[in-house]
Amino acid sequence: MSSFEKITSFADNKLRKYLKDDPNIEIRNIHGTGFLLEDKN
């Protein structure tokens, strides 16, 4: 795992915890790249 993936994974976990109760936000994993933060509105 590259350092970029580690940072991305760490940021993903923090964002998921922070935004987990917001039904308007979805965090989708993009294999090999990181993640996509989407606003459902």
N, C-alpha and C. Protein backbone atom coordinates (compact mmCIF):
# COMPACT_ATOMS: atom_id res chain seq x y z
N MET A 1 0.85 -1.18 0.00
CA MET A 1 0.00 0.00 0.00
C MET A 1 0.90 1.24 0.00
N SER A 2 0.65 2.14 -0.91
CA SER A 2 1.45 3.36 -0.98
C SER A 2 1.05 4.33 0.11
N SER A 3 1.89 5.32 0.36
CA SER A 3 1.57 6.30 1.40
C SER A 3 0.31 7.08 1.04
N PHE A 4 0.06 7.30 -0.27
CA PHE A 4 -1.16 8.00 -0.70
C PHE A 4 -2.39 7.20 -0.30
N GLU A 5 -2.36 5.88 -0.51
CA GLU A 5 -3.49 5.03 -0.16
C GLU A 5 -3.71 5.02 1.35
N LYS A 6 -2.64 5.03 2.12
CA LYS A 6 -2.77 5.05 3.57
C LYS A 6 -3.43 6.35 4.04
N ILE A 7 -3.00 7.45 3.48
CA ILE A 7 -3.59 8.75 3.84
C ILE A 7 -5.05 8.77 3.41
N THR A 8 -5.33 8.29 2.22
CA THR A 8 -6.70 8.26 1.73
C THR A 8 -7.57 7.39 2.61
N SER A 9 -7.07 6.23 2.98
CA SER A 9 -7.82 5.32 3.84
C SER A 9 -8.08 5.96 5.21
N PHE A 10 -7.08 6.63 5.76
CA PHE A 10 -7.24 7.31 7.04
C PHE A 10 -8.29 8.41 6.93
N ALA A 11 -8.24 9.21 5.88
CA ALA A 11 -9.21 10.29 5.68
C ALA A 11 -10.60 9.72 5.48
N ASP A 12 -10.70 8.62 4.74
CA ASP A 12 -11.99 7.96 4.50
C ASP A 12 -12.62 7.54 5.82
N ASN A 13 -11.85 6.91 6.69
CA ASN A 13 -12.37 6.46 7.99
C ASN A 13 -12.84 7.64 8.83
N LYS A 14 -12.07 8.71 8.86
CA LYS A 14 -12.45 9.89 9.64
C LYS A 14 -13.72 10.52 9.09
N LEU A 15 -13.81 10.64 7.77
CA LEU A 15 -15.01 11.22 7.16
C LEU A 15 -16.24 10.36 7.40
N ARG A 16 -16.08 9.05 7.28
CA ARG A 16 -17.22 8.16 7.53
C ARG A 16 -17.76 8.31 8.95
N LYS A 17 -16.87 8.40 9.92
CA LYS A 17 -17.30 8.57 11.31
C LYS A 17 -18.00 9.91 11.50
N TYR A 18 -17.46 10.96 10.91
CA TYR A 18 -18.00 12.29 11.07
C TYR A 18 -19.35 12.46 10.36
N LEU A 19 -19.50 11.83 9.20
CA LEU A 19 -20.69 12.03 8.37
C LEU A 19 -21.69 10.88 8.42
N LYS A 20 -21.48 9.89 9.26
CA LYS A 20 -22.31 8.69 9.24
C LYS A 20 -23.79 8.95 9.51
N ASP A 21 -24.12 10.00 10.25
CA ASP A 21 -25.52 10.28 10.57
C ASP A 21 -26.20 11.21 9.57
N ASP A 22 -25.48 11.65 8.55
CA ASP A 22 -26.04 12.55 7.55
C ASP A 22 -26.57 11.75 6.36
N PRO A 23 -27.90 11.67 6.20
CA PRO A 23 -28.47 10.87 5.12
C PRO A 23 -28.24 11.46 3.73
N ASN A 24 -27.78 12.69 3.65
CA ASN A 24 -27.57 13.35 2.36
C ASN A 24 -26.18 13.13 1.78
N ILE A 25 -25.30 12.48 2.55
CA ILE A 25 -23.93 12.27 2.13
C ILE A 25 -23.66 10.78 1.96
N GLU A 26 -23.01 10.43 0.86
CA GLU A 26 -22.61 9.05 0.63
C GLU A 26 -21.12 9.04 0.26
N ILE A 27 -20.38 8.14 0.89
CA ILE A 27 -18.96 7.97 0.58
C ILE A 27 -18.82 6.62 -0.10
N ARG A 28 -18.38 6.66 -1.36
CA ARG A 28 -18.22 5.43 -2.13
C ARG A 28 -16.75 5.16 -2.37
N ASN A 29 -16.34 3.90 -2.19
CA ASN A 29 -14.97 3.50 -2.48
C ASN A 29 -14.76 3.36 -3.98
N ILE A 30 -13.62 3.83 -4.45
CA ILE A 30 -13.22 3.64 -5.84
C ILE A 30 -11.94 2.82 -5.79
N HIS A 31 -12.05 1.57 -6.20
CA HIS A 31 -10.96 0.60 -6.06
C HIS A 31 -9.67 1.12 -6.69
N GLY A 32 -8.61 1.12 -5.90
CA GLY A 32 -7.30 1.51 -6.38
C GLY A 32 -7.07 3.01 -6.45
N THR A 33 -8.09 3.80 -6.14
CA THR A 33 -7.96 5.26 -6.25
C THR A 33 -8.19 5.96 -4.92
N GLY A 34 -9.24 5.59 -4.23
CA GLY A 34 -9.59 6.27 -2.97
C GLY A 34 -11.08 6.22 -2.77
N PHE A 35 -11.71 7.38 -2.66
CA PHE A 35 -13.13 7.40 -2.43
C PHE A 35 -13.75 8.62 -3.09
N LEU A 36 -15.10 8.57 -3.22
CA LEU A 36 -15.86 9.65 -3.81
C LEU A 36 -16.89 10.09 -2.80
N LEU A 37 -16.91 11.37 -2.50
CA LEU A 37 -17.88 11.94 -1.57
C LEU A 37 -19.01 12.55 -2.39
N GLU A 38 -20.24 12.03 -2.19
CA GLU A 38 -21.38 12.48 -2.98
C GLU A 38 -22.44 13.11 -2.09
N ASP A 39 -23.02 14.19 -2.60
CA ASP A 39 -24.17 14.84 -1.96
C ASP A 39 -25.40 14.32 -2.69
N LYS A 40 -26.32 13.69 -1.97
CA LYS A 40 -27.47 13.05 -2.59
C LYS A 40 -28.56 14.06 -2.99
N ASN A 41 -28.43 15.30 -2.62
CA ASN A 41 -29.45 16.31 -2.98
C ASN A 41 -29.31 16.76 -4.39
